[in-house]
Amino acid sequence: MTLKNLGSKTDVLNLLGNDVVASTGVGSAVNIQTYEGSAAFVLTAEAGGSGITYAVKITECDTSGGSYTDVTGGAFTTTSANTALVEKIYLNISELKQYLKVSTTVAGGSGAGALAVVALASKKYS
């Protein structure tokens, strides 16, 4: 399945709400059980400050409170120091486990920048 009828058939899944990130962390679990097919995952990151880089990736698990593992192909490009980034990756949501989280690793100097990760995905049977 492909992303089609983008305006009427596609939902926006908020995997990591737009927030200032100053330290390494993990977002809340998002249940993707009612979605299928190809999904676009979009990272937006503002420049975080002198020397700050962000490594952002999608992780998955069968249960919301279980141990999450990295999704193959689910890592965004690590941001360059003090540089903004917008990037999209595509994953087949039908091949992923039921719950997703975003993991963010902050490295380098001091500072903070806003990050957000959303997915555009189509519901089953819609």
C-alpha atoms as a PDB file:
ATOM      1  CA  MET A   1       0.000   0.000   0.000  1.00  0.00           C
ATOM      2  CA  THR A   2       1.195   3.482  -0.729  1.00  0.00           C
ATOM      3  CA  LEU A   3       0.366   6.859   0.718  1.00  0.00           C
ATOM      4  CA  LYS A   4      -2.582   7.874  -1.376  1.00  0.00           C
ATOM      5  CA  ASN A   5      -5.494  10.200  -0.851  1.00  0.00           C
ATOM      6  CA  LEU A   6      -3.171  12.074   1.462  1.00  0.00           C
ATOM      7  CA  GLY A   7      -5.730  14.658   2.501  1.00  0.00           C
ATOM      8  CA  SER A   8      -8.627  12.352   3.379  1.00  0.00           C
ATOM      9  CA  LYS A   9      -7.154   8.952   4.153  1.00  0.00           C
ATOM     10  CA  THR A  10      -3.979   9.799   6.048  1.00  0.00           C
ATOM     11  CA  ASP A  11      -3.529  10.547   9.745  1.00  0.00           C
ATOM     12  CA  VAL A  12      -0.718  12.479  11.398  1.00  0.00           C
ATOM     13  CA  LEU A  13       0.825  10.469  14.243  1.00  0.00           C
ATOM     14  CA  ASN A  14       2.661  12.623  16.781  1.00  0.00           C
ATOM     15  CA  LEU A  15       5.644  10.467  17.766  1.00  0.00           C
ATOM     16  CA  LEU A  16       7.627  13.232  19.454  1.00  0.00           C
ATOM     17  CA  GLY A  17       5.785  16.479  20.085  1.00  0.00           C
ATOM     18  CA  ASN A  18       7.535  19.715  19.245  1.00  0.00           C
ATOM     19  CA  ASP A  19       9.608  20.354  22.360  1.00  0.00           C
ATOM     20  CA  VAL A  20      12.950  21.751  23.419  1.00  0.00           C
ATOM     21  CA  VAL A  21      15.381  18.878  23.878  1.00  0.00           C
ATOM     22  CA  ALA A  22      18.465  19.398  26.018  1.00  0.00           C
ATOM     23  CA  SER A  23      19.222  15.812  27.057  1.00  0.00           C
ATOM     24  CA  THR A  24      18.984  12.243  25.797  1.00  0.00           C
ATOM     25  CA  GLY A  25      15.509  10.721  26.129  1.00  0.00           C
ATOM     26  CA  VAL A  26      12.693   8.599  24.767  1.00  0.00           C
ATOM     27  CA  GLY A  27       9.199   9.694  23.735  1.00  0.00           C
ATOM     28  CA  SER A  28       5.892   8.092  24.674  1.00  0.00           C
ATOM     29  CA  ALA A  29       4.650   4.869  23.074  1.00  0.00           C
ATOM     30  CA  VAL A  30       2.383   5.220  20.019  1.00  0.00           C
ATOM     31  CA  ASN A  31       0.091   2.333  19.040  1.00  0.00           C
ATOM     32  CA  ILE A  32       0.159   1.742  15.267  1.00  0.00           C
ATOM     33  CA  GLN A  33      -2.043  -1.369  15.185  1.00  0.00           C
ATOM     34  CA  THR A  34      -4.784   0.296  13.103  1.00  0.00           C
ATOM     35  CA  TYR A  35      -2.385   1.501  10.352  1.00  0.00           C
ATOM     36  CA  GLU A  36      -0.880  -0.250   7.346  1.00  0.00           C
ATOM     37  CA  GLY A  37       1.394   0.213   4.367  1.00  0.00           C
ATOM     38  CA  SER A  38       4.059   2.769   3.665  1.00  0.00           C
ATOM     39  CA  ALA A  39       4.355   5.625   6.150  1.00  0.00           C
ATOM     40  CA  ALA A  40       6.415   8.796   5.949  1.00  0.00           C
ATOM     41  CA  PHE A  41       8.274   9.737   9.131  1.00  0.00           C
ATOM     42  CA  VAL A  42       9.387  13.365   9.318  1.00  0.00           C
ATOM     43  CA  LEU A  43      11.963  14.903  11.675  1.00  0.00           C
ATOM     44  CA  THR A  44      12.226  18.656  12.116  1.00  0.00           C
ATOM     45  CA  ALA A  45      15.081  19.933  14.267  1.00  0.00           C
ATOM     46  CA  GLU A  46      16.237  23.466  14.905  1.00  0.00           C
ATOM     47  CA  ALA A  47      19.893  24.287  15.480  1.00  0.00           C
ATOM     48  CA  GLY A  48      20.684  23.192  19.010  1.00  0.00           C
ATOM     49  CA  GLY A  49      23.620  25.381  19.860  1.00  0.00           C
ATOM     50  CA  SER A  50      27.378  25.302  19.622  1.00  0.00           C
ATOM     51  CA  GLY A  51      28.551  21.702  19.269  1.00  0.00           C
ATOM     52  CA  ILE A  52      25.122  20.133  19.902  1.00  0.00           C
ATOM     53  CA  THR A  53      24.104  17.189  17.699  1.00  0.00           C
ATOM     54  CA  TYR A  54      20.957  15.062  17.762  1.00  0.00           C
ATOM     55  CA  ALA A  55      20.751  11.384  16.811  1.00  0.00           C
ATOM     56  CA  VAL A  56      17.073  10.484  16.395  1.00  0.00           C
ATOM     57  CA  LYS A  57      15.691   7.016  15.647  1.00  0.00           C
ATOM     58  CA  ILE A  58      12.458   5.032  15.674  1.00  0.00           C
ATOM     59  CA  THR A  59      12.215   2.048  18.045  1.00  0.00           C
ATOM     60  CA  GLU A  60       9.569  -0.689  18.270  1.00  0.00           C
ATOM     61  CA  CYS A  61       8.065  -3.182  20.721  1.00  0.00           C
ATOM     62  CA  ASP A  62       5.168  -5.664  20.934  1.00  0.00           C
ATOM     63  CA  THR A  63       3.945  -4.105  24.208  1.00  0.00           C
ATOM     64  CA  SER A  64       3.824  -0.464  25.279  1.00  0.00           C
ATOM     65  CA  GLY A  65       5.936  -1.045  28.387  1.00  0.00           C
ATOM     66  CA  GLY A  66       8.372  -3.631  27.027  1.00  0.00           C
ATOM     67  CA  SER A  67      11.955  -3.430  25.791  1.00  0.00           C
ATOM     68  CA  TYR A  68      12.201  -1.399  22.591  1.00  0.00           C
ATOM     69  CA  THR A  69      14.619  -2.230  19.771  1.00  0.00           C
ATOM     70  CA  ASP A  70      15.804  -0.107  16.850  1.00  0.00           C
ATOM     71  CA  VAL A  71      13.747  -0.272  13.656  1.00  0.00           C
ATOM     72  CA  THR A  72      15.831  -1.261  10.635  1.00  0.00           C
ATOM     73  CA  GLY A  73      16.053   1.846   8.453  1.00  0.00           C
ATOM     74  CA  GLY A  74      14.463   3.931  11.218  1.00  0.00           C
ATOM     75  CA  ALA A  75      17.381   6.256  11.990  1.00  0.00           C
ATOM     76  CA  PHE A  76      17.458   9.836  10.789  1.00  0.00           C
ATOM     77  CA  THR A  77      20.713  11.531   9.791  1.00  0.00           C
ATOM     78  CA  THR A  78      22.527  12.830  12.877  1.00  0.00           C
ATOM     79  CA  THR A  79      22.336  16.602  12.835  1.00  0.00           C
ATOM     80  CA  SER A  80      25.515  18.602  12.377  1.00  0.00           C
ATOM     81  CA  ALA A  81      26.533  20.912  15.213  1.00  0.00           C
ATOM     82  CA  ASN A  82      24.427  24.076  15.397  1.00  0.00           C
ATOM     83  CA  THR A  83      22.562  23.150  12.199  1.00  0.00           C
ATOM     84  CA  ALA A  84      18.821  22.762  11.569  1.00  0.00           C
ATOM     85  CA  LEU A  85      17.510  19.685   9.753  1.00  0.00           C
ATOM     86  CA  VAL A  86      14.302  18.524   8.100  1.00  0.00           C
ATOM     87  CA  GLU A  87      14.326  14.916   6.892  1.00  0.00           C
ATOM     88  CA  LYS A  88      11.856  12.208   5.941  1.00  0.00           C
ATOM     89  CA  ILE A  89      12.232   8.455   5.905  1.00  0.00           C
ATOM     90  CA  TYR A  90       9.773   5.824   4.697  1.00  0.00           C
ATOM     91  CA  LEU A  91       8.952   2.622   6.552  1.00  0.00           C
ATOM     92  CA  ASN A  92       6.404  -0.109   5.899  1.00  0.00           C
ATOM     93  CA  ILE A  93       4.279   0.270   8.999  1.00  0.00           C
ATOM     94  CA  SER A  94       2.682  -3.163   8.349  1.00  0.00           C
ATOM     95  CA  GLU A  95       6.068  -4.800   9.063  1.00  0.00           C
ATOM     96  CA  LEU A  96       6.631  -2.999  12.380  1.00  0.00           C
ATOM     97  CA  LYS A  97       5.666  -4.115  15.866  1.00  0.00           C
ATOM     98  CA  GLN A  98       2.551  -2.632  17.494  1.00  0.00           C
ATOM     99  CA  TYR A  99       4.209   0.188  19.477  1.00  0.00           C
ATOM    100  CA  LEU A 100       6.729   2.826  18.391  1.00  0.00           C
ATOM    101  CA  LYS A 101       8.820   5.312  20.348  1.00  0.00           C
ATOM    102  CA  VAL A 102      11.318   7.949  19.284  1.00  0.00           C
ATOM    103  CA  SER A 103      14.738   7.817  20.910  1.00  0.00           C
ATOM    104  CA  THR A 104      16.861  10.982  20.928  1.00  0.00           C
ATOM    105  CA  THR A 105      20.553  11.112  21.821  1.00  0.00           C
ATOM    106  CA  VAL A 106      21.982  14.575  22.499  1.00  0.00           C
ATOM    107  CA  ALA A 107      25.756  14.988  22.263  1.00  0.00           C
ATOM    108  CA  GLY A 108      28.325  17.751  22.118  1.00  0.00           C
ATOM    109  CA  GLY A 109      28.458  21.165  23.796  1.00  0.00           C
ATOM    110  CA  SER A 110      25.740  22.918  25.725  1.00  0.00           C
ATOM    111  CA  GLY A 111      22.430  24.231  24.520  1.00  0.00           C
ATOM    112  CA  ALA A 112      19.061  22.974  23.399  1.00  0.00           C
ATOM    113  CA  GLY A 113      16.872  23.014  20.335  1.00  0.00           C
ATOM    114  CA  ALA A 114      13.325  22.086  19.439  1.00  0.00           C
ATOM    115  CA  LEU A 115      12.650  18.718  17.801  1.00  0.00           C
ATOM    116  CA  ALA A 116       9.511  17.052  16.469  1.00  0.00           C
ATOM    117  CA  VAL A 117       8.847  13.705  14.783  1.00  0.00           C
ATOM    118  CA  VAL A 118       5.552  12.930  13.063  1.00  0.00           C
ATOM    119  CA  ALA A 119       4.422  10.113  10.792  1.00  0.00           C
ATOM    120  CA  LEU A 120       1.899  10.236   7.962  1.00  0.00           C
ATOM    121  CA  ALA A 121       0.127   6.877   7.866  1.00  0.00           C
ATOM    122  CA  SER A 122      -3.033   5.372   6.386  1.00  0.00           C
ATOM    123  CA  LYS A 123      -5.569   3.490   8.500  1.00  0.00           C
ATOM    124  CA  LYS A 124      -6.558  -0.048   7.630  1.00  0.00           C
ATOM    125  CA  TYR A 125      -9.942  -0.380   5.966  1.00  0.00           C
ATOM    126  CA  SER A 126     -10.505   3.333   5.353  1.00  0.00           C
END
